[in-house]
Amino acid sequence: MAGRYLSDDPALALEHAQAAGRRGGRIAAVREATGVAAYEAGDYALALKELRTFRRMTGAEIHLPLMVDCERALGRTDKAVELATSEAAASLETSERVELAIVLAGMRRDQGDAQGAVDALSIPQLDKNRGFSYSPRLFRAYAEALRGVDRAREALTWDRQAVVAEAALGIGQFAEPEILDFDDEEETEQAPPTGVALTEPETATEDAPTAESAGAVVSEDTRAGLREEPADSTDDSAEHESDDVLDEGADEEPEDDEGASDGDLDPDDDFEGGSEDDLDPDDDEELLDPEDHGAAPHDPSDDGEGRGAQDV
């Protein structure tokens, strides 16, 4: 529940995490959830405390960027810089290093060093042509840093590229609605480790595939298979299909009442086999003699609409 409400209502997510902490405070995942929820809710002192506890319990440094940001938010810039440049930072995964670079850029900007913020984000992961899960946040942070050094036109390009990355990755404003299926054990589809190719906004429409180009991707094997197919195969199949249709029509018995057999004595079939004077066609005693098969054919116009008074 803490994870479900983390983005929409961080305060409620923190309440759920703290409720779990009162019951399972010795579980590392509970301390982690409490620390992350406290960070999102703006309680940086609690977040730092819980994340430190999680690190002691597991030895994992995955939340080091959040801890650095908590130190910065609490006004302890020197402590934040020390933590960001520690040996633990060198062991971070790629996405975590990107988050740490974004935090360091914010620290430089708070200190009035606008160019230092740009330098902090000038990392190998800042690739305009490849998109990863962290790319939209990195692109927008870099755009903000560029505005700080009066490079607004270039910043606009990176803002647009962040939208292109979200569209290619299917995240952010392009994410599909979340559907919770507790019976579905399939893993969520993730972006490939090499990222997805991005197109710059200026050339996005030019590179879009057209109907003609899409039709040109038929493989040579497929074309060869089409060429080897006999030319008269279509005519034969059409002829056989027409014969089958005629056979089906021949096997079915006509439903026309005028074509009913003279020996049909079913009183439930539109009064066939019963005389027009029968008041109760379902009465077996009023049926014709089984030996008499000369009953008059049924009049289709007399189906209950044109009977006389004695038919009531």
C-alpha atoms as a PDB file:
ATOM      1  CA  MET A   1       0.000   0.000   0.000  1.00  0.00           C
ATOM      2  CA  ALA A   2       2.913   2.352   0.668  1.00  0.00           C
ATOM      3  CA  GLY A   3       4.196   1.699  -2.831  1.00  0.00           C
ATOM      4  CA  ARG A   4       0.745   2.160  -4.370  1.00  0.00           C
ATOM      5  CA  TYR A   5       0.212   5.587  -2.801  1.00  0.00           C
ATOM      6  CA  LEU A   6       3.824   6.759  -3.063  1.00  0.00           C
ATOM      7  CA  SER A   7       3.327   8.907  -6.167  1.00  0.00           C
ATOM      8  CA  ASP A   8      -0.231  10.123  -5.584  1.00  0.00           C
ATOM      9  CA  ASP A   9      -0.319  10.635  -1.805  1.00  0.00           C
ATOM     10  CA  PRO A  10       3.130  10.391  -0.151  1.00  0.00           C
ATOM     11  CA  ALA A  11       1.734  11.307   3.285  1.00  0.00           C
ATOM     12  CA  LEU A  12      -0.706   8.382   3.181  1.00  0.00           C
ATOM     13  CA  ALA A  13       2.062   6.119   1.885  1.00  0.00           C
ATOM     14  CA  LEU A  14       4.173   7.099   4.892  1.00  0.00           C
ATOM     15  CA  GLU A  15       1.319   6.234   7.259  1.00  0.00           C
ATOM     16  CA  HIS A  16       1.088   2.750   5.745  1.00  0.00           C
ATOM     17  CA  ALA A  17       4.863   2.289   5.964  1.00  0.00           C
ATOM     18  CA  GLN A  18       4.938   3.398   9.613  1.00  0.00           C
ATOM     19  CA  ALA A  19       2.064   1.020  10.407  1.00  0.00           C
ATOM     20  CA  ALA A  20       4.142  -1.783   8.920  1.00  0.00           C
ATOM     21  CA  GLY A  21       7.153  -0.572  10.915  1.00  0.00           C
ATOM     22  CA  ARG A  22       5.282  -0.928  14.201  1.00  0.00           C
ATOM     23  CA  ARG A  23       4.723  -4.605  13.409  1.00  0.00           C
ATOM     24  CA  GLY A  24       7.896  -5.534  11.544  1.00  0.00           C
ATOM     25  CA  GLY A  25      10.573  -2.982  12.334  1.00  0.00           C
ATOM     26  CA  ARG A  26      13.321  -5.589  12.034  1.00  0.00           C
ATOM     27  CA  ILE A  27      12.523  -6.308   8.398  1.00  0.00           C
ATOM     28  CA  ALA A  28      14.820  -4.452   6.008  1.00  0.00           C
ATOM     29  CA  ALA A  29      12.146  -3.944   3.361  1.00  0.00           C
ATOM     30  CA  VAL A  30       9.915  -2.231   5.931  1.00  0.00           C
ATOM     31  CA  ARG A  31      12.657   0.232   6.891  1.00  0.00           C
ATOM     32  CA  GLU A  32      13.367   0.854   3.229  1.00  0.00           C
ATOM     33  CA  ALA A  33       9.700   1.576   2.473  1.00  0.00           C
ATOM     34  CA  THR A  34       9.501   3.944   5.438  1.00  0.00           C
ATOM     35  CA  GLY A  35      12.627   5.812   4.357  1.00  0.00           C
ATOM     36  CA  VAL A  36      11.518   6.240   0.744  1.00  0.00           C
ATOM     37  CA  ALA A  37       7.997   7.276   1.748  1.00  0.00           C
ATOM     38  CA  ALA A  38       9.383   9.792   4.257  1.00  0.00           C
ATOM     39  CA  TYR A  39      11.634  11.235   1.552  1.00  0.00           C
ATOM     40  CA  GLU A  40       8.710  11.659  -0.850  1.00  0.00           C
ATOM     41  CA  ALA A  41       6.617  13.212   1.947  1.00  0.00           C
ATOM     42  CA  GLY A  42       9.352  15.753   2.734  1.00  0.00           C
ATOM     43  CA  ASP A  43      10.347  14.384   6.144  1.00  0.00           C
ATOM     44  CA  TYR A  44      14.068  14.286   5.363  1.00  0.00           C
ATOM     45  CA  ALA A  45      15.266  13.641   8.927  1.00  0.00           C
ATOM     46  CA  LEU A  46      13.112  10.519   9.221  1.00  0.00           C
ATOM     47  CA  ALA A  47      14.048   9.447   5.696  1.00  0.00           C
ATOM     48  CA  LEU A  48      17.770   9.718   6.472  1.00  0.00           C
ATOM     49  CA  LYS A  49      17.371   7.753   9.690  1.00  0.00           C
ATOM     50  CA  GLU A  50      15.412   4.922   8.043  1.00  0.00           C
ATOM     51  CA  LEU A  51      17.675   4.706   4.990  1.00  0.00           C
ATOM     52  CA  ARG A  52      20.772   4.530   7.184  1.00  0.00           C
ATOM     53  CA  THR A  53      19.166   1.681   9.097  1.00  0.00           C
ATOM     54  CA  PHE A  54      18.367  -0.104   5.830  1.00  0.00           C
ATOM     55  CA  ARG A  55      21.987   0.275   4.720  1.00  0.00           C
ATOM     56  CA  ARG A  56      23.286  -1.186   7.995  1.00  0.00           C
ATOM     57  CA  MET A  57      20.889  -4.147   7.758  1.00  0.00           C
ATOM     58  CA  THR A  58      21.625  -5.036   4.125  1.00  0.00           C
ATOM     59  CA  GLY A  59      24.919  -3.365   3.209  1.00  0.00           C
ATOM     60  CA  ALA A  60      23.250  -2.028   0.038  1.00  0.00           C
ATOM     61  CA  GLU A  61      24.066   1.479  -1.196  1.00  0.00           C
ATOM     62  CA  ILE A  62      21.196   1.781  -3.649  1.00  0.00           C
ATOM     63  CA  HIS A  63      19.629   4.713  -1.760  1.00  0.00           C
ATOM     64  CA  LEU A  64      22.841   6.711  -1.447  1.00  0.00           C
ATOM     65  CA  PRO A  65      21.540   9.476  -3.777  1.00  0.00           C
ATOM     66  CA  LEU A  66      18.478   9.933  -1.543  1.00  0.00           C
ATOM     67  CA  MET A  67      20.675  10.101   1.540  1.00  0.00           C
ATOM     68  CA  VAL A  68      22.860  12.764  -0.106  1.00  0.00           C
ATOM     69  CA  ASP A  69      19.774  14.759  -1.008  1.00  0.00           C
ATOM     70  CA  CYS A  70      18.468  14.457   2.556  1.00  0.00           C
ATOM     71  CA  GLU A  71      21.755  15.876   3.868  1.00  0.00           C
ATOM     72  CA  ARG A  72      21.481  18.735   1.394  1.00  0.00           C
ATOM     73  CA  ALA A  73      17.840  19.416   2.341  1.00  0.00           C
ATOM     74  CA  LEU A  74      18.804  19.526   6.015  1.00  0.00           C
ATOM     75  CA  GLY A  75      21.424  22.182   5.263  1.00  0.00           C
ATOM     76  CA  ARG A  76      24.438  19.942   5.767  1.00  0.00           C
ATOM     77  CA  THR A  77      26.108  20.550   2.421  1.00  0.00           C
ATOM     78  CA  ASP A  78      29.580  19.474   3.510  1.00  0.00           C
ATOM     79  CA  LYS A  79      28.224  16.173   4.765  1.00  0.00           C
ATOM     80  CA  ALA A  80      26.342  15.709   1.512  1.00  0.00           C
ATOM     81  CA  VAL A  81      29.480  16.294  -0.575  1.00  0.00           C
ATOM     82  CA  GLU A  82      31.468  13.920   1.601  1.00  0.00           C
ATOM     83  CA  LEU A  83      28.867  11.205   1.180  1.00  0.00           C
ATOM     84  CA  ALA A  84      28.595  11.792  -2.583  1.00  0.00           C
ATOM     85  CA  THR A  85      32.336  11.440  -3.100  1.00  0.00           C
ATOM     86  CA  SER A  86      32.809   8.443  -0.821  1.00  0.00           C
ATOM     87  CA  GLU A  87      33.958   5.015  -1.990  1.00  0.00           C
ATOM     88  CA  ALA A  88      30.397   3.755  -1.774  1.00  0.00           C
ATOM     89  CA  ALA A  89      29.408   6.054  -4.648  1.00  0.00           C
ATOM     90  CA  ALA A  90      31.827   4.248  -6.968  1.00  0.00           C
ATOM     91  CA  SER A  91      29.904   0.976  -6.567  1.00  0.00           C
ATOM     92  CA  LEU A  92      26.534   2.381  -7.646  1.00  0.00           C
ATOM     93  CA  GLU A  93      24.627   1.092 -10.644  1.00  0.00           C
ATOM     94  CA  THR A  94      24.221   3.272 -13.723  1.00  0.00           C
ATOM     95  CA  SER A  95      20.754   4.561 -12.842  1.00  0.00           C
ATOM     96  CA  GLU A  96      21.895   5.336  -9.284  1.00  0.00           C
ATOM     97  CA  ARG A  97      24.929   7.251 -10.541  1.00  0.00           C
ATOM     98  CA  VAL A  98      22.621   9.333 -12.707  1.00  0.00           C
ATOM     99  CA  GLU A  99      20.440  10.147  -9.703  1.00  0.00           C
ATOM    100  CA  LEU A 100      23.531  11.112  -7.737  1.00  0.00           C
ATOM    101  CA  ALA A 101      24.657  13.423 -10.550  1.00  0.00           C
ATOM    102  CA  ILE A 102      21.241  15.124 -10.504  1.00  0.00           C
ATOM    103  CA  VAL A 103      21.540  15.637  -6.732  1.00  0.00           C
ATOM    104  CA  LEU A 104      25.055  17.065  -7.082  1.00  0.00           C
ATOM    105  CA  ALA A 105      23.848  19.455  -9.778  1.00  0.00           C
ATOM    106  CA  GLY A 106      21.163  20.693  -7.421  1.00  0.00           C
ATOM    107  CA  MET A 107      23.754  21.230  -4.709  1.00  0.00           C
ATOM    108  CA  ARG A 108      25.946  23.266  -7.075  1.00  0.00           C
ATOM    109  CA  ARG A 109      22.983  25.358  -8.092  1.00  0.00           C
ATOM    110  CA  ASP A 110      22.087  26.018  -4.443  1.00  0.00           C
ATOM    111  CA  GLN A 111      25.644  27.213  -3.883  1.00  0.00           C
ATOM    112  CA  GLY A 112      25.345  29.656  -6.792  1.00  0.00           C
ATOM    113  CA  ASP A 113      27.627  27.670  -9.089  1.00  0.00           C
ATOM    114  CA  ALA A 114      25.531  27.482 -12.268  1.00  0.00           C
ATOM    115  CA  GLN A 115      28.347  26.206 -14.456  1.00  0.00           C
ATOM    116  CA  GLY A 116      29.187  23.583 -11.834  1.00  0.00           C
ATOM    117  CA  ALA A 117      25.628  22.247 -12.179  1.00  0.00           C
ATOM    118  CA  VAL A 118      26.116  21.876 -15.940  1.00  0.00           C
ATOM    119  CA  ASP A 119      29.447  20.116 -15.396  1.00  0.00           C
ATOM    120  CA  ALA A 120      27.941  17.743 -12.836  1.00  0.00           C
ATOM    121  CA  LEU A 121      25.408  16.561 -15.423  1.00  0.00           C
ATOM    122  CA  SER A 122      27.867  16.241 -18.302  1.00  0.00           C
ATOM    123  CA  ILE A 123      28.202  12.488 -17.838  1.00  0.00           C
ATOM    124  CA  PRO A 124      28.402   9.643 -20.393  1.00  0.00           C
ATOM    125  CA  GLN A 125      24.743   8.749 -19.744  1.00  0.00           C
ATOM    126  CA  LEU A 126      23.675  12.122 -21.203  1.00  0.00           C
ATOM    127  CA  ASP A 127      23.079  10.645 -24.671  1.00  0.00           C
ATOM    128  CA  LYS A 128      20.524  12.362 -26.860  1.00  0.00           C
ATOM    129  CA  ASN A 129      20.272   9.349 -29.206  1.00  0.00           C
ATOM    130  CA  ARG A 130      19.605   6.606 -26.634  1.00  0.00           C
ATOM    131  CA  GLY A 131      16.774   6.385 -24.121  1.00  0.00           C
ATOM    132  CA  PHE A 132      16.823   4.657 -20.728  1.00  0.00           C
ATOM    133  CA  SER A 133      14.502   4.771 -17.743  1.00  0.00           C
ATOM    134  CA  TYR A 134      16.543   7.590 -16.232  1.00  0.00           C
ATOM    135  CA  SER A 135      16.878   9.607 -19.458  1.00  0.00           C
ATOM    136  CA  PRO A 136      13.807  11.889 -19.112  1.00  0.00           C
ATOM    137  CA  ARG A 137      14.859  13.043 -15.624  1.00  0.00           C
ATOM    138  CA  LEU A 138      18.449  13.541 -16.721  1.00  0.00           C
ATOM    139  CA  PHE A 139      17.434  15.499 -19.832  1.00  0.00           C
ATOM    140  CA  ARG A 140      15.152  17.823 -17.860  1.00  0.00           C
ATOM    141  CA  ALA A 141      17.761  18.381 -15.142  1.00  0.00           C
ATOM    142  CA  TYR A 142      20.330  19.242 -17.807  1.00  0.00           C
ATOM    143  CA  ALA A 143      17.895  21.632 -19.464  1.00  0.00           C
ATOM    144  CA  GLU A 144      17.355  23.396 -16.130  1.00  0.00           C
ATOM    145  CA  ALA A 145      21.093  23.678 -15.630  1.00  0.00           C
ATOM    146  CA  LEU A 146      21.485  25.167 -19.123  1.00  0.00           C
ATOM    147  CA  ARG A 147      18.951  27.862 -18.326  1.00  0.00           C
ATOM    148  CA  GLY A 148      21.104  28.825 -15.378  1.00  0.00           C
ATOM    149  CA  VAL A 149      23.925  29.757 -17.760  1.00  0.00           C
ATOM    150  CA  ASP A 150      21.670  31.578 -20.281  1.00  0.00           C
ATOM    151  CA  ARG A 151      21.509  28.773 -22.848  1.00  0.00           C
ATOM    152  CA  ALA A 152      17.722  28.775 -23.143  1.00  0.00           C
ATOM    153  CA  ARG A 153      17.535  27.676 -26.797  1.00  0.00           C
ATOM    154  CA  GLU A 154      19.635  24.595 -26.154  1.00  0.00           C
ATOM    155  CA  ALA A 155      17.643  23.904 -22.981  1.00  0.00           C
ATOM    156  CA  LEU A 156      14.420  23.809 -25.014  1.00  0.00           C
ATOM    157  CA  THR A 157      15.918  21.112 -27.241  1.00  0.00           C
ATOM    158  CA  TRP A 158      16.671  18.910 -24.227  1.00  0.00           C
ATOM    159  CA  ASP A 159      13.169  19.455 -22.823  1.00  0.00           C
ATOM    160  CA  ARG A 160      11.726  18.234 -26.112  1.00  0.00           C
ATOM    161  CA  GLN A 161      14.096  15.281 -26.140  1.00  0.00           C
ATOM    162  CA  ALA A 162      12.837  14.296 -22.682  1.00  0.00           C
ATOM    163  CA  VAL A 163       9.326  14.032 -24.133  1.00  0.00           C
ATOM    164  CA  VAL A 164      10.657  11.949 -27.034  1.00  0.00           C
ATOM    165  CA  ALA A 165      12.332   9.592 -24.552  1.00  0.00           C
ATOM    166  CA  GLU A 166       9.110   9.199 -22.544  1.00  0.00           C
ATOM    167  CA  ALA A 167       7.175   8.386 -25.705  1.00  0.00           C
ATOM    168  CA  ALA A 168       9.756   5.817 -26.823  1.00  0.00           C
ATOM    169  CA  LEU A 169       9.884   4.178 -23.389  1.00  0.00           C
ATOM    170  CA  GLY A 170       6.140   4.365 -22.689  1.00  0.00           C
ATOM    171  CA  ILE A 171       6.614   6.126 -19.351  1.00  0.00           C
ATOM    172  CA  GLY A 172       5.542   9.421 -17.823  1.00  0.00           C
ATOM    173  CA  GLN A 173       2.634  10.977 -19.677  1.00  0.00           C
ATOM    174  CA  PHE A 174       2.743   8.122 -22.206  1.00  0.00           C
ATOM    175  CA  ALA A 175       2.454   5.337 -19.625  1.00  0.00           C
ATOM    176  CA  GLU A 176      -0.537   3.012 -19.871  1.00  0.00           C
ATOM    177  CA  PRO A 177      -3.009   2.896 -16.978  1.00  0.00           C
ATOM    178  CA  GLU A 178      -1.888   0.537 -14.245  1.00  0.00           C
ATOM    179  CA  ILE A 179      -3.982  -2.643 -14.066  1.00  0.00           C
ATOM    180  CA  LEU A 180      -3.423  -4.825 -11.024  1.00  0.00           C
ATOM    181  CA  ASP A 181      -3.823  -8.539 -11.784  1.00  0.00           C
ATOM    182  CA  PHE A 182      -2.899 -10.635  -8.770  1.00  0.00           C
ATOM    183  CA  ASP A 183      -3.111 -13.852 -10.813  1.00  0.00           C
ATOM    184  CA  ASP A 184      -0.693 -12.685 -13.492  1.00  0.00           C
ATOM    185  CA  GLU A 185       2.783 -13.994 -12.761  1.00  0.00           C
ATOM    186  CA  GLU A 186       4.376 -12.644 -15.925  1.00  0.00           C
ATOM    187  CA  GLU A 187       7.164 -10.140 -15.443  1.00  0.00           C
ATOM    188  CA  THR A 188       6.638  -6.547 -16.465  1.00  0.00           C
ATOM    189  CA  GLU A 189       8.182  -5.740 -19.810  1.00  0.00           C
ATOM    190  CA  GLN A 190      11.230  -3.541 -19.373  1.00  0.00           C
ATOM    191  CA  ALA A 191      13.362  -1.499 -21.708  1.00  0.00           C
ATOM    192  CA  PRO A 192      16.352  -3.361 -23.187  1.00  0.00           C
ATOM    193  CA  PRO A 193      19.692  -2.829 -21.381  1.00  0.00           C
ATOM    194  CA  THR A 194      21.060  -1.053 -24.444  1.00  0.00           C
ATOM    195  CA  GLY A 195      18.215   1.473 -24.345  1.00  0.00           C
ATOM    196  CA  VAL A 196      15.926   2.522 -27.163  1.00  0.00           C
ATOM    197  CA  ALA A 197      16.869   4.626 -30.143  1.00  0.00           C
ATOM    198  CA  LEU A 198      15.631   8.201 -29.965  1.00  0.00           C
ATOM    199  CA  THR A 199      14.873  10.587 -32.790  1.00  0.00           C
ATOM    200  CA  GLU A 200      15.425  14.267 -32.405  1.00  0.00           C
ATOM    201  CA  PRO A 201      12.179  16.297 -32.459  1.00  0.00           C
ATOM    202  CA  GLU A 202      13.171  18.118 -35.663  1.00  0.00           C
ATOM    203  CA  THR A 203      13.448  14.858 -37.656  1.00  0.00           C
ATOM    204  CA  ALA A 204      10.773  12.805 -35.916  1.00  0.00           C
ATOM    205  CA  THR A 205       8.175  13.304 -38.654  1.00  0.00           C
ATOM    206  CA  GLU A 206      10.671  12.786 -41.472  1.00  0.00           C
ATOM    207  CA  ASP A 207      11.847   9.434 -40.152  1.00  0.00           C
ATOM    208  CA  ALA A 208       8.337   8.110 -39.566  1.00  0.00           C
ATOM    209  CA  PRO A 209       7.665   5.026 -41.748  1.00  0.00           C
ATOM    210  CA  THR A 210       5.159   5.404 -44.549  1.00  0.00           C
ATOM    211  CA  ALA A 211       2.742   2.875 -45.976  1.00  0.00           C
ATOM    212  CA  GLU A 212       4.970   2.381 -49.036  1.00  0.00           C
ATOM    213  CA  SER A 213       8.085   1.736 -46.944  1.00  0.00           C
ATOM    214  CA  ALA A 214       6.205  -0.593 -44.623  1.00  0.00           C
ATOM    215  CA  GLY A 215       5.076  -2.680 -47.578  1.00  0.00           C
ATOM    216  CA  ALA A 216       8.647  -2.958 -48.834  1.00  0.00           C
ATOM    217  CA  VAL A 217       9.907  -4.996 -45.896  1.00  0.00           C
ATOM    218  CA  VAL A 218       8.569  -8.319 -47.188  1.00  0.00           C
ATOM    219  CA  SER A 219      11.365 -10.846 -47.023  1.00  0.00           C
ATOM    220  CA  GLU A 220      12.850 -12.502 -50.079  1.00  0.00           C
ATOM    221  CA  ASP A 221      11.741 -15.920 -48.772  1.00  0.00           C
ATOM    222  CA  THR A 222       8.168 -14.738 -48.697  1.00  0.00           C
ATOM    223  CA  ARG A 223       8.406 -13.404 -52.242  1.00  0.00           C
ATOM    224  CA  ALA A 224       9.941 -16.674 -53.394  1.00  0.00           C
ATOM    225  CA  GLY A 225       7.112 -18.608 -51.801  1.00  0.00           C
ATOM    226  CA  LEU A 226       4.568 -16.454 -53.609  1.00  0.00           C
ATOM    227  CA  ARG A 227       6.313 -16.969 -56.946  1.00  0.00           C
ATOM    228  CA  GLU A 228       6.382 -20.758 -56.524  1.00  0.00           C
ATOM    229  CA  GLU A 229       2.633 -20.978 -55.968  1.00  0.00           C
ATOM    230  CA  PRO A 230       0.818 -22.367 -59.068  1.00  0.00           C
ATOM    231  CA  ALA A 231      -1.049 -19.776 -61.045  1.00  0.00           C
ATOM    232  CA  ASP A 232      -4.260 -21.814 -61.313  1.00  0.00           C
ATOM    233  CA  SER A 233      -4.462 -22.579 -57.591  1.00  0.00           C
ATOM    234  CA  THR A 234      -6.802 -19.695 -57.005  1.00  0.00           C
ATOM    235  CA  ASP A 235      -9.216 -20.743 -59.746  1.00  0.00           C
ATOM    236  CA  ASP A 236      -9.326 -24.335 -58.501  1.00  0.00           C
ATOM    237  CA  SER A 237     -10.001 -23.290 -54.955  1.00  0.00           C
ATOM    238  CA  ALA A 238     -12.740 -20.969 -56.114  1.00  0.00           C
ATOM    239  CA  GLU A 239     -14.304 -23.766 -58.198  1.00  0.00           C
ATOM    240  CA  HIS A 240     -14.206 -26.221 -55.294  1.00  0.00           C
ATOM    241  CA  GLU A 241     -15.634 -23.618 -53.001  1.00  0.00           C
ATOM    242  CA  SER A 242     -18.561 -22.973 -55.349  1.00  0.00           C
ATOM    243  CA  ASP A 243     -19.215 -26.721 -55.593  1.00  0.00           C
ATOM    244  CA  ASP A 244     -19.247 -27.018 -51.821  1.00  0.00           C
ATOM    245  CA  VAL A 245     -21.731 -24.223 -51.564  1.00  0.00           C
ATOM    246  CA  LEU A 246     -24.024 -25.884 -54.100  1.00  0.00           C
ATOM    247  CA  ASP A 247     -23.716 -29.202 -52.264  1.00  0.00           C
ATOM    248  CA  GLU A 248     -24.655 -27.613 -48.991  1.00  0.00           C
ATOM    249  CA  GLY A 249     -27.748 -26.108 -50.540  1.00  0.00           C
ATOM    250  CA  ALA A 250     -28.683 -29.451 -52.080  1.00  0.00           C
ATOM    251  CA  ASP A 251     -28.413 -31.338 -48.804  1.00  0.00           C
ATOM    252  CA  GLU A 252     -30.680 -28.990 -46.926  1.00  0.00           C
ATOM    253  CA  GLU A 253     -34.409 -29.687 -47.093  1.00  0.00           C
ATOM    254  CA  PRO A 254     -36.604 -26.783 -48.166  1.00  0.00           C
ATOM    255  CA  GLU A 255     -38.559 -25.117 -45.418  1.00  0.00           C
ATOM    256  CA  ASP A 256     -41.438 -24.198 -47.700  1.00  0.00           C
ATOM    257  CA  ASP A 257     -44.764 -25.397 -46.221  1.00  0.00           C
ATOM    258  CA  GLU A 258     -46.189 -26.049 -49.680  1.00  0.00           C
ATOM    259  CA  GLY A 259     -43.576 -28.750 -50.231  1.00  0.00           C
ATOM    260  CA  ALA A 260     -44.587 -30.714 -47.139  1.00  0.00           C
ATOM    261  CA  SER A 261     -45.184 -34.406 -47.533  1.00  0.00           C
ATOM    262  CA  ASP A 262     -48.795 -35.617 -47.716  1.00  0.00           C
ATOM    263  CA  GLY A 263     -47.998 -38.097 -44.980  1.00  0.00           C
ATOM    264  CA  ASP A 264     -46.789 -35.473 -42.489  1.00  0.00           C
ATOM    265  CA  LEU A 265     -49.120 -35.850 -39.506  1.00  0.00           C
ATOM    266  CA  ASP A 266     -47.227 -33.577 -37.082  1.00  0.00           C
ATOM    267  CA  PRO A 267     -50.003 -31.409 -35.609  1.00  0.00           C
ATOM    268  CA  ASP A 268     -47.427 -28.943 -34.205  1.00  0.00           C
ATOM    269  CA  ASP A 269     -46.070 -28.064 -37.661  1.00  0.00           C
ATOM    270  CA  ASP A 270     -48.436 -25.225 -38.710  1.00  0.00           C
ATOM    271  CA  PHE A 271     -51.503 -27.507 -38.373  1.00  0.00           C
ATOM    272  CA  GLU A 272     -50.141 -29.928 -40.989  1.00  0.00           C
ATOM    273  CA  GLY A 273     -52.111 -33.105 -41.035  1.00  0.00           C
ATOM    274  CA  GLY A 274     -55.136 -31.542 -39.298  1.00  0.00           C
ATOM    275  CA  SER A 275     -58.254 -30.250 -40.942  1.00  0.00           C
ATOM    276  CA  GLU A 276     -59.185 -26.579 -40.953  1.00  0.00           C
ATOM    277  CA  ASP A 277     -62.091 -27.355 -38.637  1.00  0.00           C
ATOM    278  CA  ASP A 278     -59.854 -28.746 -35.880  1.00  0.00           C
ATOM    279  CA  LEU A 279     -60.354 -26.730 -32.737  1.00  0.00           C
ATOM    280  CA  ASP A 280     -57.377 -28.335 -30.974  1.00  0.00           C
ATOM    281  CA  PRO A 281     -54.583 -29.335 -33.394  1.00  0.00           C
ATOM    282  CA  ASP A 282     -52.646 -30.919 -30.529  1.00  0.00           C
ATOM    283  CA  ASP A 283     -55.439 -33.386 -29.811  1.00  0.00           C
ATOM    284  CA  ASP A 284     -54.266 -36.780 -31.042  1.00  0.00           C
ATOM    285  CA  GLU A 285     -57.856 -38.000 -31.396  1.00  0.00           C
ATOM    286  CA  GLU A 286     -58.562 -35.455 -34.163  1.00  0.00           C
ATOM    287  CA  LEU A 287     -55.634 -36.508 -36.318  1.00  0.00           C
ATOM    288  CA  LEU A 288     -56.277 -38.157 -39.617  1.00  0.00           C
ATOM    289  CA  ASP A 289     -56.415 -41.875 -39.813  1.00  0.00           C
ATOM    290  CA  PRO A 290     -52.821 -43.198 -39.961  1.00  0.00           C
ATOM    291  CA  GLU A 291     -53.818 -45.241 -43.018  1.00  0.00           C
ATOM    292  CA  ASP A 292     -55.122 -42.150 -44.761  1.00  0.00           C
ATOM    293  CA  HIS A 293     -52.209 -40.309 -46.241  1.00  0.00           C
ATOM    294  CA  GLY A 294     -54.230 -38.176 -48.593  1.00  0.00           C
ATOM    295  CA  ALA A 295     -54.371 -35.025 -46.511  1.00  0.00           C
ATOM    296  CA  ALA A 296     -54.591 -31.872 -48.492  1.00  0.00           C
ATOM    297  CA  PRO A 297     -51.420 -29.783 -48.702  1.00  0.00           C
ATOM    298  CA  HIS A 298     -51.177 -27.017 -46.153  1.00  0.00           C
ATOM    299  CA  ASP A 299     -52.085 -23.501 -47.245  1.00  0.00           C
ATOM    300  CA  PRO A 300     -49.196 -21.195 -46.177  1.00  0.00           C
ATOM    301  CA  SER A 301     -51.519 -18.221 -46.098  1.00  0.00           C
ATOM    302  CA  ASP A 302     -53.630 -19.925 -43.417  1.00  0.00           C
ATOM    303  CA  ASP A 303     -51.182 -19.726 -40.456  1.00  0.00           C
ATOM    304  CA  GLY A 304     -53.537 -18.382 -37.910  1.00  0.00           C
ATOM    305  CA  GLU A 305     -54.357 -15.053 -39.568  1.00  0.00           C
ATOM    306  CA  GLY A 306     -57.258 -15.796 -41.916  1.00  0.00           C
ATOM    307  CA  ARG A 307     -59.256 -18.407 -39.973  1.00  0.00           C
ATOM    308  CA  GLY A 308     -62.994 -18.150 -39.603  1.00  0.00           C
ATOM    309  CA  ALA A 309     -65.033 -17.797 -36.450  1.00  0.00           C
ATOM    310  CA  GLN A 310     -65.150 -21.534 -35.852  1.00  0.00           C
ATOM    311  CA  ASP A 311     -61.305 -21.633 -35.680  1.00  0.00           C
ATOM    312  CA  VAL A 312     -61.304 -19.641 -32.435  1.00  0.00           C
END
